[in-house]
Amino acid sequence: MVAVFKVLSAILLFFIPESPVHLLLKNKTKEAEDALRWLRSKKRDNYDPDQEIRSLQRLVDKTKVDLQSRSITSLNPASLSGVFTVKNFTGPTAKSFYIILSLLVLRQLGGINALTFYTVDIFKEAGSSMSPYVSTAVLGLVEFLMTLATFAFVDRLGRRTLLLLSSTLMGACLTGISLHGYLKVLGYDVTLVEWLPLVLLALYLCAFSVGFGPIPWFMMAELVPTESKGWVTGVVVTVNWLALFLVTQLFPGMVVSIGSAGTFLVYGVLNIVAAVFVFACVPETRGKTIEMIQVELGGKF
């Protein structure tokens, strides 16, 4: 079944146009305009890409100048010395890198993959009347539907607002699950609220799916200049998977050491930490060009 979806994804990729920025870098302006029309889902007569093309062209021209000013070593993607330079880790571009890296690490520390990987065990321990396997399937469906719903209002509410709402609600949900667990351990009768873990986990996944799930990934495209996207993407994706590995490996040990309730509380607190980070450090990128964002980042931190 998994292979079927992978093959389907590969087939659908043939119908997706090339990036407008990449096309402009190759001096294919007409193809870039067509790609923008496709991406904006607008008919040719109702959408004029000229303004957006001009903005992207300025970005591309700046990128070409930056690339030409670098040494051959720094242009070599396989060269670590080209990545770990002072220029890459100072200034607005570096701040973009630190923001994306922090968001993805906090995304993992919030417990999303540990909880989804061990959902069946969590429901078994919670003593829910619904089958743990059915509960897991329900949560998976909820996450899928809410991820789709994100695209309907991400440009209305803004990235920063959704990240704040997402992390705050995730922290509240996990704290509620922790409280339910502590009450059960202390011997209180929780029969009347045995449905609570399922509801709170569903809300947690809803909050994740509309905020910390998809938004850090496409904010990377909005925050990071074109000339730095290669090394930034490589580093943050590597760190993201390392963080995922560590969190999922530590989860069983945390449950043994401090119990499920304590583990949920830790994840809840870390989600609140994520909310504080977003409030203090993450800019709103909705409706802004990369130049505007870089200027704004020049005054942050």
Protein backbone atom coordinates (compact mmCIF):
# COMPACT_ATOMS: atom_id res chain seq x y z
CA MET A 1 0.00 0.00 0.00
CA VAL A 2 2.81 2.41 0.87
CA ALA A 3 4.51 1.63 -2.45
CA VAL A 4 1.32 2.53 -4.33
CA PHE A 5 1.30 6.04 -2.85
CA LYS A 6 5.00 6.47 -3.64
CA VAL A 7 4.46 5.50 -7.27
CA LEU A 8 1.43 7.80 -7.47
CA SER A 9 3.50 10.67 -6.07
CA ALA A 10 6.22 10.04 -8.64
CA ILE A 11 3.67 10.11 -11.46
CA LEU A 12 2.09 13.36 -10.22
CA LEU A 13 5.50 15.04 -10.18
CA PHE A 14 5.51 14.96 -13.98
CA PHE A 15 2.58 17.40 -13.95
CA ILE A 16 4.26 19.95 -11.64
CA PRO A 17 6.13 22.80 -13.37
CA GLU A 18 9.70 23.75 -12.60
CA SER A 19 10.37 26.47 -10.02
CA PRO A 20 9.97 29.98 -11.50
CA VAL A 21 13.22 31.05 -9.81
CA HIS A 22 15.10 28.14 -11.40
CA LEU A 23 13.65 29.01 -14.80
CA LEU A 24 14.68 32.65 -14.44
CA LEU A 25 18.18 31.54 -13.47
CA LYS A 26 18.20 29.69 -16.82
CA ASN A 27 16.89 32.85 -18.59
CA LYS A 28 13.58 31.13 -19.44
CA THR A 29 11.27 34.05 -18.67
CA LYS A 30 8.29 32.80 -20.69
CA GLU A 31 8.39 29.40 -18.98
CA ALA A 32 8.68 31.15 -15.58
CA GLU A 33 5.52 33.17 -16.33
CA ASP A 34 3.63 30.02 -17.29
CA ALA A 35 4.83 28.29 -14.11
CA LEU A 36 3.57 31.21 -12.00
CA ARG A 37 0.18 31.08 -13.67
CA TRP A 38 -0.04 27.38 -12.92
CA LEU A 39 1.09 27.81 -9.31
CA ARG A 40 -1.35 30.64 -8.67
CA SER A 41 -4.20 28.57 -10.18
CA LYS A 42 -5.34 31.55 -12.20
CA LYS A 43 -6.47 31.62 -15.80
CA ARG A 44 -4.18 33.38 -18.26
CA ASP A 45 -6.63 36.26 -18.79
CA ASN A 46 -7.17 36.94 -15.08
CA TYR A 47 -3.62 36.90 -13.76
CA ASP A 48 -0.73 39.13 -14.76
CA PRO A 49 2.56 37.68 -13.52
CA ASP A 50 4.65 40.70 -14.58
CA GLN A 51 4.95 42.25 -11.11
CA GLU A 52 5.88 38.95 -9.50
CA ILE A 53 8.29 38.16 -12.33
CA ARG A 54 10.02 41.52 -11.84
CA SER A 55 10.38 40.85 -8.12
CA LEU A 56 11.76 37.38 -8.76
CA GLN A 57 14.08 38.73 -11.46
CA ARG A 58 15.61 41.18 -8.97
CA LEU A 59 16.14 38.27 -6.60
CA VAL A 60 17.71 36.18 -9.36
CA ASP A 61 20.00 39.03 -10.45
CA LYS A 62 21.18 39.48 -6.88
CA THR A 63 21.71 35.74 -6.57
CA LYS A 64 23.83 35.66 -9.72
CA VAL A 65 26.00 38.50 -8.41
CA ASP A 66 26.41 36.77 -5.05
CA LEU A 67 27.32 33.49 -6.70
CA GLN A 68 29.86 35.14 -8.98
CA SER A 69 31.51 36.85 -6.00
CA ARG A 70 32.11 33.56 -4.24
CA SER A 71 35.09 31.31 -4.73
CA ILE A 72 34.87 28.03 -6.61
CA THR A 73 35.21 26.21 -3.31
CA SER A 74 32.16 27.90 -1.81
CA LEU A 75 30.11 27.04 -4.89
CA ASN A 76 30.90 23.36 -4.62
CA PRO A 77 27.93 21.71 -2.80
CA ALA A 78 30.16 18.82 -1.78
CA SER A 79 32.66 21.11 -0.09
CA LEU A 80 32.14 21.56 3.63
CA SER A 81 34.52 24.52 3.61
CA GLY A 82 32.08 26.25 1.29
CA VAL A 83 29.31 25.88 3.83
CA PHE A 84 31.07 26.67 7.09
CA THR A 85 32.14 30.21 6.31
CA VAL A 86 31.75 33.35 8.42
CA LYS A 87 29.42 34.89 5.82
CA ASN A 88 27.01 31.97 6.02
CA PHE A 89 26.68 32.22 9.79
CA THR A 90 26.32 35.98 10.21
CA GLY A 91 23.75 38.49 9.02
CA PRO A 92 20.11 38.09 7.95
CA THR A 93 20.73 34.85 6.03
CA ALA A 94 22.20 33.25 9.13
CA LYS A 95 19.20 34.41 11.16
CA SER A 96 16.92 32.74 8.62
CA PHE A 97 18.94 29.56 9.05
CA TYR A 98 18.77 29.70 12.86
CA ILE A 99 15.02 30.33 12.80
CA ILE A 100 14.27 27.39 10.50
CA LEU A 101 16.67 25.10 12.37
CA SER A 102 15.11 26.03 15.72
CA LEU A 103 11.56 25.54 14.42
CA LEU A 104 12.32 22.06 13.10
CA VAL A 105 14.16 21.00 16.27
CA LEU A 106 11.34 22.33 18.47
CA ARG A 107 8.90 20.54 16.15
CA GLN A 108 10.54 17.24 17.05
CA LEU A 109 11.03 18.08 20.74
CA GLY A 110 7.28 18.70 20.92
CA GLY A 111 6.89 14.94 20.70
CA ILE A 112 4.93 14.59 17.47
CA ASN A 113 6.75 11.58 16.07
CA ALA A 114 7.25 9.87 19.42
CA LEU A 115 3.51 10.12 20.07
CA THR A 116 2.45 8.98 16.60
CA PHE A 117 4.91 6.08 16.59
CA TYR A 118 3.65 4.85 19.97
CA THR A 119 -0.03 5.80 19.66
CA VAL A 120 -1.30 2.23 20.09
CA ASP A 121 0.72 1.76 23.30
CA ILE A 122 -0.49 5.12 24.62
CA PHE A 123 -4.15 4.21 24.15
CA LYS A 124 -3.65 0.79 25.68
CA GLU A 125 -2.18 2.36 28.81
CA ALA A 126 -4.90 5.02 28.93
CA GLY A 127 -7.54 2.27 29.04
CA SER A 128 -9.74 3.83 26.35
CA SER A 129 -12.92 1.88 25.57
CA MET A 130 -12.23 2.26 21.84
CA SER A 131 -9.79 -0.15 20.22
CA PRO A 132 -6.26 1.35 20.23
CA TYR A 133 -5.89 0.46 16.56
CA VAL A 134 -9.18 2.15 15.64
CA SER A 135 -8.17 5.19 17.68
CA THR A 136 -4.85 5.36 15.84
CA ALA A 137 -6.61 5.18 12.47
CA VAL A 138 -8.99 7.97 13.53
CA LEU A 139 -6.07 10.17 14.53
CA GLY A 140 -4.31 9.53 11.23
CA LEU A 141 -7.43 10.56 9.31
CA VAL A 142 -7.80 13.70 11.43
CA GLU A 143 -4.18 14.69 10.78
CA PHE A 144 -4.57 14.15 7.03
CA LEU A 145 -7.76 16.21 6.77
CA MET A 146 -6.42 19.08 8.87
CA THR A 147 -3.23 19.25 6.82
CA LEU A 148 -5.36 19.71 3.71
CA ALA A 149 -7.44 22.35 5.49
CA THR A 150 -4.31 24.36 6.30
CA PHE A 151 -3.99 25.56 2.72
CA ALA A 152 -7.44 27.16 2.91
CA PHE A 153 -6.48 29.72 5.56
CA VAL A 154 -2.69 29.86 5.86
CA ASP A 155 -2.63 33.08 3.80
CA ARG A 156 -5.54 34.54 5.75
CA LEU A 157 -4.19 34.10 9.26
CA GLY A 158 -0.47 34.20 8.51
CA ARG A 159 2.35 31.81 9.26
CA ARG A 160 3.41 33.32 12.58
CA THR A 161 -0.14 33.38 13.95
CA LEU A 162 -0.70 29.74 13.02
CA LEU A 163 2.60 28.71 14.60
CA LEU A 164 1.66 30.51 17.83
CA LEU A 165 -1.81 28.97 17.95
CA SER A 166 -0.44 25.56 17.02
CA SER A 167 2.30 25.36 19.65
CA THR A 168 0.11 26.83 22.41
CA LEU A 169 -2.75 24.41 21.75
CA MET A 170 -0.35 21.48 21.45
CA GLY A 171 1.15 22.34 24.82
CA ALA A 172 -2.30 22.64 26.42
CA CYS A 173 -3.47 19.31 24.99
CA LEU A 174 -0.41 17.39 26.19
CA THR A 175 -0.67 19.00 29.61
CA GLY A 176 -4.31 17.85 29.77
CA ILE A 177 -3.31 14.29 28.85
CA SER A 178 -0.62 14.44 31.53
CA LEU A 179 -3.18 15.56 34.14
CA HIS A 180 -5.48 12.69 33.13
CA GLY A 181 -2.59 10.26 33.57
CA TYR A 182 -1.58 11.62 36.97
CA LEU A 183 -5.17 11.39 38.24
CA LYS A 184 -5.33 7.78 37.11
CA VAL A 185 -2.01 6.93 38.78
CA LEU A 186 -3.16 8.57 42.02
CA GLY A 187 -6.20 6.30 42.09
CA TYR A 188 -8.92 8.72 41.03
CA ASP A 189 -11.85 7.31 39.06
CA VAL A 190 -11.45 8.60 35.49
CA THR A 191 -14.12 6.36 33.95
CA LEU A 192 -16.30 9.32 33.03
CA VAL A 193 -13.45 10.96 31.12
CA GLU A 194 -11.76 7.92 29.62
CA TRP A 195 -12.44 9.49 26.22
CA LEU A 196 -10.27 12.49 27.11
CA PRO A 197 -6.89 11.19 25.84
CA LEU A 198 -8.35 10.44 22.41
CA VAL A 199 -10.01 13.85 22.15
CA LEU A 200 -6.92 15.72 23.34
CA LEU A 201 -4.62 13.75 21.05
CA ALA A 202 -6.96 14.51 18.14
CA LEU A 203 -6.84 18.21 19.03
CA TYR A 204 -3.06 17.97 19.39
CA LEU A 205 -2.78 16.51 15.88
CA CYS A 206 -5.17 19.14 14.51
CA ALA A 207 -3.01 21.88 16.03
CA PHE A 208 0.16 20.28 14.69
CA SER A 209 -1.30 19.82 11.21
CA VAL A 210 -2.28 23.48 10.80
CA GLY A 211 0.92 24.92 12.25
CA PHE A 212 4.12 23.18 13.23
CA GLY A 213 3.51 20.33 10.79
CA PRO A 214 3.71 22.05 7.39
CA ILE A 215 4.61 25.68 8.05
CA PRO A 216 8.33 25.39 9.04
CA TRP A 217 9.01 23.59 5.77
CA PHE A 218 7.56 26.19 3.44
CA MET A 219 8.81 29.06 5.60
CA MET A 220 12.25 27.77 4.68
CA ALA A 221 11.50 28.74 1.07
CA GLU A 222 10.25 32.17 2.18
CA LEU A 223 13.01 33.05 4.65
CA VAL A 224 16.17 31.77 2.97
CA PRO A 225 17.72 33.55 -0.05
CA THR A 226 18.10 31.50 -3.21
CA GLU A 227 21.90 31.38 -3.11
CA SER A 228 21.81 29.82 0.39
CA LYS A 229 18.91 27.39 0.00
CA GLY A 230 21.17 24.47 -0.90
CA TRP A 231 23.34 24.36 2.20
CA VAL A 232 20.54 25.53 4.54
CA THR A 233 18.21 22.77 3.34
CA GLY A 234 20.92 20.13 3.65
CA VAL A 235 21.86 21.10 7.20
CA VAL A 236 18.36 21.57 8.62
CA VAL A 237 16.99 18.37 7.07
CA THR A 238 19.90 16.40 8.53
CA VAL A 239 19.42 17.94 11.98
CA ASN A 240 15.66 17.37 11.76
CA TRP A 241 16.09 13.64 11.19
CA LEU A 242 18.72 13.39 13.92
CA ALA A 243 16.32 15.10 16.34
CA LEU A 244 13.53 12.73 15.27
CA PHE A 245 15.78 9.73 15.91
CA LEU A 246 16.82 10.95 19.35
CA VAL A 247 13.28 11.84 20.47
CA THR A 248 11.79 8.51 19.38
CA GLN A 249 14.66 6.57 20.93
CA LEU A 250 14.38 8.44 24.23
CA PHE A 251 10.59 8.12 24.48
CA PRO A 252 10.44 4.54 25.90
CA GLY A 253 13.12 5.36 28.46
CA MET A 254 11.29 8.52 29.52
CA VAL A 255 8.07 6.54 30.02
CA VAL A 256 9.93 4.05 32.23
CA SER A 257 11.72 6.77 34.21
CA ILE A 258 9.00 9.39 34.75
CA GLY A 259 5.88 7.62 33.50
CA SER A 260 3.58 8.48 30.61
CA ALA A 261 2.09 11.43 32.49
CA GLY A 262 5.52 12.91 33.15
CA THR A 263 6.57 12.37 29.54
CA PHE A 264 3.48 14.15 28.23
CA LEU A 265 4.14 17.01 30.64
CA VAL A 266 7.71 17.40 29.34
CA TYR A 267 6.47 17.53 25.76
CA GLY A 268 3.75 19.98 26.77
CA VAL A 269 6.28 22.34 28.34
CA LEU A 270 8.53 22.10 25.27
CA ASN A 271 5.61 23.12 23.07
CA ILE A 272 5.08 26.19 25.24
CA VAL A 273 8.80 26.94 24.83
CA ALA A 274 8.23 26.72 21.07
CA ALA A 275 5.40 29.25 21.36
CA VAL A 276 7.68 31.66 23.24
CA PHE A 277 10.36 31.24 20.56
CA VAL A 278 7.89 31.96 17.76
CA PHE A 279 6.59 35.05 19.57
CA ALA A 280 10.09 36.41 20.19
CA CYS A 281 12.01 35.45 17.06
CA VAL A 282 9.89 34.38 14.09
CA PRO A 283 8.79 37.10 11.63
CA GLU A 284 5.57 37.05 9.64
CA THR A 285 6.33 36.20 6.00
CA ARG A 286 2.84 36.46 4.52
CA GLY A 287 2.73 38.83 1.56
CA LYS A 288 6.41 39.78 1.85
CA THR A 289 9.22 39.42 -0.65
CA ILE A 290 12.50 37.81 0.32
CA GLU A 291 14.13 41.27 0.22
CA MET A 292 11.62 42.66 2.73
CA ILE A 293 12.11 39.67 5.03
CA GLN A 294 15.91 39.96 4.92
CA VAL A 295 15.71 43.67 5.79
CA GLU A 296 13.40 42.87 8.70
CA LEU A 297 15.71 40.13 9.95
CA GLY A 298 18.59 42.59 9.89
CA GLY A 299 17.03 44.25 12.94
CA LYS A 300 16.10 41.13 14.90
CA PHE A 301 17.98 39.36 17.74
